[in-house]
């Protein structure tokens, strides 16, 4: 699956996703590091990738045409908890089911939306 990870996703998660065979775009260490959320969203759309982030602001994009949004929202986040939630969340749906789908992984439950075409 083609994935775009926001800067707030742990590097261990990026490595694990790549080991699982995903094509992961990580902007850390590139000229795009630190870009605005609007620019990041534009790149996600242009690249046709699933976005993985901890930034709840991307929830506003759930009604747009997109290739998937996975948001991790925890009360006391740390790298390990975020990592576990991302790996659990990514496996909730098959690759072909992610387009137009938004998932929020929280401490004890998750929410999912599917945009109507």
C-alpha atoms as a PDB file:
ATOM      1  CA  UNK A   1       0.000   0.000   0.000  1.00  0.00           C
ATOM      2  CA  UNK A   2       1.164   3.548  -0.683  1.00  0.00           C
ATOM      3  CA  UNK A   3       1.411   5.407   2.627  1.00  0.00           C
ATOM      4  CA  UNK A   4       2.389   8.942   3.635  1.00  0.00           C
ATOM      5  CA  UNK A   5       3.422   9.314   7.284  1.00  0.00           C
ATOM      6  CA  UNK A   6       3.269  12.636   9.053  1.00  0.00           C
ATOM      7  CA  UNK A   7       6.347  13.716  11.030  1.00  0.00           C
ATOM      8  CA  UNK A   8       4.653  12.714  14.286  1.00  0.00           C
ATOM      9  CA  UNK A   9       4.703   8.987  13.464  1.00  0.00           C
ATOM     10  CA  UNK A  10       7.641   7.117  15.058  1.00  0.00           C
ATOM     11  CA  UNK A  11      10.519   5.975  12.869  1.00  0.00           C
ATOM     12  CA  UNK A  12      10.098   2.437  14.196  1.00  0.00           C
ATOM     13  CA  UNK A  13       6.611   2.465  12.677  1.00  0.00           C
ATOM     14  CA  UNK A  14       7.959   3.635   9.315  1.00  0.00           C
ATOM     15  CA  UNK A  15      10.530   0.809   9.372  1.00  0.00           C
ATOM     16  CA  UNK A  16       7.929  -1.790  10.348  1.00  0.00           C
ATOM     17  CA  UNK A  17       5.512  -0.679   7.616  1.00  0.00           C
ATOM     18  CA  UNK A  18       8.313  -0.951   5.054  1.00  0.00           C
ATOM     19  CA  UNK A  19       9.231  -4.417   6.319  1.00  0.00           C
ATOM     20  CA  UNK A  20       5.600  -5.382   5.795  1.00  0.00           C
ATOM     21  CA  UNK A  21       5.974  -4.381   2.123  1.00  0.00           C
ATOM     22  CA  UNK A  22       4.318  -0.965   2.146  1.00  0.00           C
ATOM     23  CA  UNK A  23       5.618   1.932   0.034  1.00  0.00           C
ATOM     24  CA  UNK A  24       6.080   4.537   2.784  1.00  0.00           C
ATOM     25  CA  UNK A  25       6.832   8.207   2.129  1.00  0.00           C
ATOM     26  CA  UNK A  26       8.390   9.900   5.167  1.00  0.00           C
ATOM     27  CA  UNK A  27       9.228  13.601   4.779  1.00  0.00           C
ATOM     28  CA  UNK A  28      11.649  13.771   7.709  1.00  0.00           C
ATOM     29  CA  UNK A  29      15.054  14.828   6.491  1.00  0.00           C
ATOM     30  CA  UNK A  30      13.706  16.086   3.147  1.00  0.00           C
ATOM     31  CA  UNK A  31      13.007  19.593   1.857  1.00  0.00           C
ATOM     32  CA  UNK A  32       9.348  19.002   2.724  1.00  0.00           C
ATOM     33  CA  UNK A  33       9.964  18.602   6.456  1.00  0.00           C
ATOM     34  CA  UNK A  34       7.992  21.205   8.389  1.00  0.00           C
ATOM     35  CA  UNK A  35       5.560  22.084   5.583  1.00  0.00           C
ATOM     36  CA  UNK A  36       2.071  23.277   6.481  1.00  0.00           C
ATOM     37  CA  UNK A  37      -0.795  20.827   6.879  1.00  0.00           C
ATOM     38  CA  UNK A  38      -2.342  22.194   3.683  1.00  0.00           C
ATOM     39  CA  UNK A  39       0.836  21.511   1.697  1.00  0.00           C
ATOM     40  CA  UNK A  40       1.168  18.084   3.278  1.00  0.00           C
ATOM     41  CA  UNK A  41      -2.439  17.232   2.379  1.00  0.00           C
ATOM     42  CA  UNK A  42      -1.829  18.376  -1.198  1.00  0.00           C
ATOM     43  CA  UNK A  43       1.174  16.039  -1.437  1.00  0.00           C
ATOM     44  CA  UNK A  44      -0.838  13.161   0.023  1.00  0.00           C
ATOM     45  CA  UNK A  45      -3.538  13.672  -2.608  1.00  0.00           C
ATOM     46  CA  UNK A  46      -1.063  14.117  -5.452  1.00  0.00           C
ATOM     47  CA  UNK A  47       0.816  10.953  -4.487  1.00  0.00           C
ATOM     48  CA  UNK A  48      -2.479   9.023  -3.963  1.00  0.00           C
ATOM     49  CA  UNK A  49      -1.396   7.753  -0.546  1.00  0.00           C
ATOM     50  CA  UNK A  50      -3.021   6.801   2.729  1.00  0.00           C
ATOM     51  CA  UNK A  51      -2.153   9.435   5.350  1.00  0.00           C
ATOM     52  CA  UNK A  52      -1.080   8.282   8.822  1.00  0.00           C
ATOM     53  CA  UNK A  53      -0.909  11.039  11.450  1.00  0.00           C
ATOM     54  CA  UNK A  54      -1.631  12.011  15.053  1.00  0.00           C
ATOM     55  CA  UNK A  55      -2.942  15.418  13.926  1.00  0.00           C
ATOM     56  CA  UNK A  56      -6.724  15.514  14.431  1.00  0.00           C
ATOM     57  CA  UNK A  57      -6.910  18.541  12.125  1.00  0.00           C
ATOM     58  CA  UNK A  58      -6.869  16.185   9.143  1.00  0.00           C
ATOM     59  CA  UNK A  59     -10.282  14.912  10.223  1.00  0.00           C
ATOM     60  CA  UNK A  60     -11.747  17.917   8.371  1.00  0.00           C
ATOM     61  CA  UNK A  61     -10.601  16.309   5.099  1.00  0.00           C
ATOM     62  CA  UNK A  62     -12.695  13.159   5.569  1.00  0.00           C
ATOM     63  CA  UNK A  63     -15.423  14.408   3.232  1.00  0.00           C
ATOM     64  CA  UNK A  64     -12.994  15.047   0.380  1.00  0.00           C
ATOM     65  CA  UNK A  65     -11.971  12.450  -2.158  1.00  0.00           C
ATOM     66  CA  UNK A  66      -8.858  10.781  -0.707  1.00  0.00           C
ATOM     67  CA  UNK A  67      -6.977   7.472  -0.438  1.00  0.00           C
ATOM     68  CA  UNK A  68      -7.456   6.986   3.286  1.00  0.00           C
ATOM     69  CA  UNK A  69      -6.734   8.754   6.560  1.00  0.00           C
ATOM     70  CA  UNK A  70      -5.571   6.999   9.735  1.00  0.00           C
ATOM     71  CA  UNK A  71      -5.432   9.267  12.782  1.00  0.00           C
ATOM     72  CA  UNK A  72      -4.046   8.109  16.122  1.00  0.00           C
ATOM     73  CA  UNK A  73      -5.488  10.072  19.072  1.00  0.00           C
ATOM     74  CA  UNK A  74      -4.301   8.938  22.511  1.00  0.00           C
ATOM     75  CA  UNK A  75      -4.644  10.624  25.910  1.00  0.00           C
ATOM     76  CA  UNK A  76      -1.018   9.950  26.872  1.00  0.00           C
ATOM     77  CA  UNK A  77       0.768   9.133  23.625  1.00  0.00           C
ATOM     78  CA  UNK A  78       4.274   7.763  23.383  1.00  0.00           C
ATOM     79  CA  UNK A  79       6.155   6.141  20.516  1.00  0.00           C
ATOM     80  CA  UNK A  80       5.270   2.622  21.567  1.00  0.00           C
ATOM     81  CA  UNK A  81       1.529   3.303  21.914  1.00  0.00           C
ATOM     82  CA  UNK A  82       1.383   5.195  18.616  1.00  0.00           C
ATOM     83  CA  UNK A  83       3.305   2.384  16.904  1.00  0.00           C
ATOM     84  CA  UNK A  84       0.910  -0.273  18.212  1.00  0.00           C
ATOM     85  CA  UNK A  85      -2.181   1.707  17.203  1.00  0.00           C
ATOM     86  CA  UNK A  86      -0.887   2.360  13.690  1.00  0.00           C
ATOM     87  CA  UNK A  87      -0.136  -1.332  13.122  1.00  0.00           C
ATOM     88  CA  UNK A  88      -3.539  -2.328  14.476  1.00  0.00           C
ATOM     89  CA  UNK A  89      -5.309   0.360  12.456  1.00  0.00           C
ATOM     90  CA  UNK A  90      -3.609  -0.391   9.160  1.00  0.00           C
ATOM     91  CA  UNK A  91      -4.854  -3.974   9.369  1.00  0.00           C
ATOM     92  CA  UNK A  92      -8.507  -3.083   9.970  1.00  0.00           C
ATOM     93  CA  UNK A  93      -9.112  -2.865   6.216  1.00  0.00           C
ATOM     94  CA  UNK A  94      -7.674  -4.307   3.043  1.00  0.00           C
ATOM     95  CA  UNK A  95      -5.775  -1.950   0.731  1.00  0.00           C
ATOM     96  CA  UNK A  96      -8.704  -1.619  -1.681  1.00  0.00           C
ATOM     97  CA  UNK A  97     -11.015  -0.651   1.215  1.00  0.00           C
ATOM     98  CA  UNK A  98      -8.958   2.360   2.379  1.00  0.00           C
ATOM     99  CA  UNK A  99      -9.843   4.924  -0.318  1.00  0.00           C
ATOM    100  CA  UNK A 100     -12.428   7.402   1.039  1.00  0.00           C
ATOM    101  CA  UNK A 101     -12.130   5.837   4.523  1.00  0.00           C
ATOM    102  CA  UNK A 102     -11.130   7.743   7.677  1.00  0.00           C
ATOM    103  CA  UNK A 103     -10.200   5.872  10.846  1.00  0.00           C
ATOM    104  CA  UNK A 104      -9.458   7.332  14.278  1.00  0.00           C
ATOM    105  CA  UNK A 105      -7.608   4.999  16.638  1.00  0.00           C
ATOM    106  CA  UNK A 106      -8.133   5.965  20.271  1.00  0.00           C
ATOM    107  CA  UNK A 107      -7.073   4.424  23.572  1.00  0.00           C
ATOM    108  CA  UNK A 108      -9.845   1.879  23.931  1.00  0.00           C
ATOM    109  CA  UNK A 109     -11.803   2.041  20.669  1.00  0.00           C
ATOM    110  CA  UNK A 110     -11.698   3.275  17.102  1.00  0.00           C
ATOM    111  CA  UNK A 111     -14.094   5.118  14.798  1.00  0.00           C
ATOM    112  CA  UNK A 112     -14.343   4.754  11.040  1.00  0.00           C
ATOM    113  CA  UNK A 113     -16.114   6.685   8.286  1.00  0.00           C
ATOM    114  CA  UNK A 114     -16.499   5.869   4.622  1.00  0.00           C
ATOM    115  CA  UNK A 115     -17.152   8.818   2.304  1.00  0.00           C
ATOM    116  CA  UNK A 116     -19.924   8.172  -0.190  1.00  0.00           C
ATOM    117  CA  UNK A 117     -18.770   8.380  -3.781  1.00  0.00           C
END
